[in-house]
Amino acid sequence: MAVLIDWVFCWFIASFVVRFTDALGSVSTVTLLLWMLLGVVGGWLFARTPGMMFLRMGVARVDVGGTRVGLWRAAVRTLLTAFVLPAALVDQDGRGMHDRATGTAVIMA
């Protein structure tokens, strides 16, 4: 659900941006770029995206408690979600494959 909230948020912004310039592409392309930027920056700086914040969720490292997710983990996690391993693919513990690959987990915050 958090991904949907983030996607709709980015879609509204992309719709506004594309009205003034098509340099970045169509609404769908700009939406994806904004969603990826939101995922990286939100995960890196705040350990959550606006959608996660609305649902009182966050993302945390599983190997070192209390440590920030970090730029590279946030970037890889977002890229895997966008292109390779959707969050819908979960293991027996309920962690998404993108979280397993980056050593992170979604938490209730």
C-alpha atoms as a PDB file:
ATOM      1  CA  MET A   1       0.000   0.000   0.000  1.00  0.00           C
ATOM      2  CA  ALA A   2       2.900   2.371   0.756  1.00  0.00           C
ATOM      3  CA  VAL A   3       4.226   1.856  -2.774  1.00  0.00           C
ATOM      4  CA  LEU A   4       0.833   2.832  -4.187  1.00  0.00           C
ATOM      5  CA  ILE A   5       0.718   5.989  -2.059  1.00  0.00           C
ATOM      6  CA  ASP A   6       4.229   6.933  -3.192  1.00  0.00           C
ATOM      7  CA  TRP A   7       3.387   6.165  -6.827  1.00  0.00           C
ATOM      8  CA  VAL A   8       0.243   8.331  -6.799  1.00  0.00           C
ATOM      9  CA  PHE A   9       2.182  11.146  -5.106  1.00  0.00           C
ATOM     10  CA  CYS A  10       4.872  10.970  -7.817  1.00  0.00           C
ATOM     11  CA  TRP A  11       2.248  10.707 -10.559  1.00  0.00           C
ATOM     12  CA  PHE A  12       0.634  13.971  -9.452  1.00  0.00           C
ATOM     13  CA  ILE A  13       4.001  15.729  -9.473  1.00  0.00           C
ATOM     14  CA  ALA A  14       4.933  14.176 -12.829  1.00  0.00           C
ATOM     15  CA  SER A  15       1.632  15.293 -14.354  1.00  0.00           C
ATOM     16  CA  PHE A  16       2.413  18.844 -13.270  1.00  0.00           C
ATOM     17  CA  VAL A  17       6.025  18.733 -14.521  1.00  0.00           C
ATOM     18  CA  VAL A  18       5.110  17.327 -17.944  1.00  0.00           C
ATOM     19  CA  ARG A  19       2.699  20.221 -18.529  1.00  0.00           C
ATOM     20  CA  PHE A  20       5.692  22.556 -18.702  1.00  0.00           C
ATOM     21  CA  THR A  21       8.386  20.397 -20.311  1.00  0.00           C
ATOM     22  CA  ASP A  22       8.725  17.062 -22.039  1.00  0.00           C
ATOM     23  CA  ALA A  23      12.509  16.965 -21.674  1.00  0.00           C
ATOM     24  CA  LEU A  24      12.311  14.030 -19.244  1.00  0.00           C
ATOM     25  CA  GLY A  25       9.737  12.090 -21.240  1.00  0.00           C
ATOM     26  CA  SER A  26       6.103  11.218 -20.701  1.00  0.00           C
ATOM     27  CA  VAL A  27       4.151  11.224 -17.454  1.00  0.00           C
ATOM     28  CA  SER A  28       4.870   7.546 -16.891  1.00  0.00           C
ATOM     29  CA  THR A  29       8.629   7.976 -17.320  1.00  0.00           C
ATOM     30  CA  VAL A  30       8.764  11.005 -15.036  1.00  0.00           C
ATOM     31  CA  THR A  31       6.613   9.172 -12.480  1.00  0.00           C
ATOM     32  CA  LEU A  32       9.068   6.257 -12.412  1.00  0.00           C
ATOM     33  CA  LEU A  33      12.081   8.585 -12.117  1.00  0.00           C
ATOM     34  CA  LEU A  34      10.465  10.534  -9.277  1.00  0.00           C
ATOM     35  CA  TRP A  35       9.405   7.329  -7.514  1.00  0.00           C
ATOM     36  CA  MET A  36      12.952   6.007  -7.689  1.00  0.00           C
ATOM     37  CA  LEU A  37      14.365   9.312  -6.425  1.00  0.00           C
ATOM     38  CA  LEU A  38      11.820   9.327  -3.604  1.00  0.00           C
ATOM     39  CA  GLY A  39      12.718   5.748  -2.651  1.00  0.00           C
ATOM     40  CA  VAL A  40      16.458   6.410  -2.584  1.00  0.00           C
ATOM     41  CA  VAL A  41      16.347   9.757  -0.789  1.00  0.00           C
ATOM     42  CA  GLY A  42      13.569   8.711   1.593  1.00  0.00           C
ATOM     43  CA  GLY A  43      15.250   5.422   2.480  1.00  0.00           C
ATOM     44  CA  TRP A  44      18.669   7.002   2.837  1.00  0.00           C
ATOM     45  CA  LEU A  45      17.842  10.122   4.836  1.00  0.00           C
ATOM     46  CA  PHE A  46      14.635   9.251   6.670  1.00  0.00           C
ATOM     47  CA  ALA A  47      14.419   5.419   6.611  1.00  0.00           C
ATOM     48  CA  ARG A  48      10.954   5.792   5.088  1.00  0.00           C
ATOM     49  CA  THR A  49       9.080   7.202   2.139  1.00  0.00           C
ATOM     50  CA  PRO A  50       5.972   9.391   2.476  1.00  0.00           C
ATOM     51  CA  GLY A  51       3.801   6.323   1.879  1.00  0.00           C
ATOM     52  CA  MET A  52       5.606   4.413   4.613  1.00  0.00           C
ATOM     53  CA  MET A  53       5.323   7.396   6.945  1.00  0.00           C
ATOM     54  CA  PHE A  54       1.578   7.621   6.322  1.00  0.00           C
ATOM     55  CA  LEU A  55       1.218   3.920   7.183  1.00  0.00           C
ATOM     56  CA  ARG A  56       3.624   4.203  10.152  1.00  0.00           C
ATOM     57  CA  MET A  57       6.232   1.980   8.578  1.00  0.00           C
ATOM     58  CA  GLY A  58       9.938   2.296   7.969  1.00  0.00           C
ATOM     59  CA  VAL A  59      12.939   0.411   6.679  1.00  0.00           C
ATOM     60  CA  ALA A  60      15.841  -0.729   8.846  1.00  0.00           C
ATOM     61  CA  ARG A  61      19.050  -2.691   8.546  1.00  0.00           C
ATOM     62  CA  VAL A  62      18.865  -6.183   9.979  1.00  0.00           C
ATOM     63  CA  ASP A  63      22.598  -6.671  10.527  1.00  0.00           C
ATOM     64  CA  VAL A  64      23.265  -3.595  12.698  1.00  0.00           C
ATOM     65  CA  GLY A  65      20.368  -2.314  14.787  1.00  0.00           C
ATOM     66  CA  GLY A  66      19.940   1.427  15.129  1.00  0.00           C
ATOM     67  CA  THR A  67      22.131   2.173  12.102  1.00  0.00           C
ATOM     68  CA  ARG A  68      20.852   4.129   9.106  1.00  0.00           C
ATOM     69  CA  VAL A  69      20.042   2.213   5.943  1.00  0.00           C
ATOM     70  CA  GLY A  70      22.648   4.174   3.978  1.00  0.00           C
ATOM     71  CA  LEU A  71      22.766   5.477   0.438  1.00  0.00           C
ATOM     72  CA  TRP A  72      23.891   2.334  -1.359  1.00  0.00           C
ATOM     73  CA  ARG A  73      21.344   0.076   0.384  1.00  0.00           C
ATOM     74  CA  ALA A  74      18.540   2.542  -0.318  1.00  0.00           C
ATOM     75  CA  ALA A  75      19.596   2.831  -3.968  1.00  0.00           C
ATOM     76  CA  VAL A  76      19.958  -0.922  -4.540  1.00  0.00           C
ATOM     77  CA  ARG A  77      16.710  -1.645  -2.683  1.00  0.00           C
ATOM     78  CA  THR A  78      14.831   0.864  -4.850  1.00  0.00           C
ATOM     79  CA  LEU A  79      16.392  -0.370  -8.096  1.00  0.00           C
ATOM     80  CA  LEU A  80      15.585  -3.988  -7.275  1.00  0.00           C
ATOM     81  CA  THR A  81      12.024  -3.063  -6.449  1.00  0.00           C
ATOM     82  CA  ALA A  82      11.641  -1.071  -9.656  1.00  0.00           C
ATOM     83  CA  PHE A  83      13.286  -3.443 -12.110  1.00  0.00           C
ATOM     84  CA  VAL A  84      14.011  -6.897 -10.765  1.00  0.00           C
ATOM     85  CA  LEU A  85      12.517  -8.105  -7.523  1.00  0.00           C
ATOM     86  CA  PRO A  86       9.069  -6.726  -6.735  1.00  0.00           C
ATOM     87  CA  ALA A  87       8.107  -6.353  -3.125  1.00  0.00           C
ATOM     88  CA  ALA A  88       5.346  -8.912  -3.712  1.00  0.00           C
ATOM     89  CA  LEU A  89       7.937 -11.699  -3.836  1.00  0.00           C
ATOM     90  CA  VAL A  90       8.417 -12.596  -0.187  1.00  0.00           C
ATOM     91  CA  ASP A  91      10.195 -15.348   1.706  1.00  0.00           C
ATOM     92  CA  GLN A  92       8.868 -17.487   4.537  1.00  0.00           C
ATOM     93  CA  ASP A  93       9.511 -14.613   7.001  1.00  0.00           C
ATOM     94  CA  GLY A  94       7.473 -12.131   4.950  1.00  0.00           C
ATOM     95  CA  ARG A  95      10.518 -10.110   3.838  1.00  0.00           C
ATOM     96  CA  GLY A  96      10.608  -8.954   0.247  1.00  0.00           C
ATOM     97  CA  MET A  97      13.389 -10.275  -1.936  1.00  0.00           C
ATOM     98  CA  HIS A  98      14.707  -6.734  -2.368  1.00  0.00           C
ATOM     99  CA  ASP A  99      15.016  -6.512   1.425  1.00  0.00           C
ATOM    100  CA  ARG A 100      16.812  -9.866   1.658  1.00  0.00           C
ATOM    101  CA  ALA A 101      19.291  -8.784  -0.996  1.00  0.00           C
ATOM    102  CA  THR A 102      20.131  -5.517   0.774  1.00  0.00           C
ATOM    103  CA  GLY A 103      20.028  -6.715   4.385  1.00  0.00           C
ATOM    104  CA  THR A 104      17.018  -4.560   5.260  1.00  0.00           C
ATOM    105  CA  ALA A 105      13.502  -5.141   6.541  1.00  0.00           C
ATOM    106  CA  VAL A 106      10.286  -3.154   6.642  1.00  0.00           C
ATOM    107  CA  ILE A 107       9.341  -2.363  10.226  1.00  0.00           C
ATOM    108  CA  MET A 108       6.352  -0.839  11.975  1.00  0.00           C
ATOM    109  CA  ALA A 109       7.591   2.474  13.340  1.00  0.00           C
END
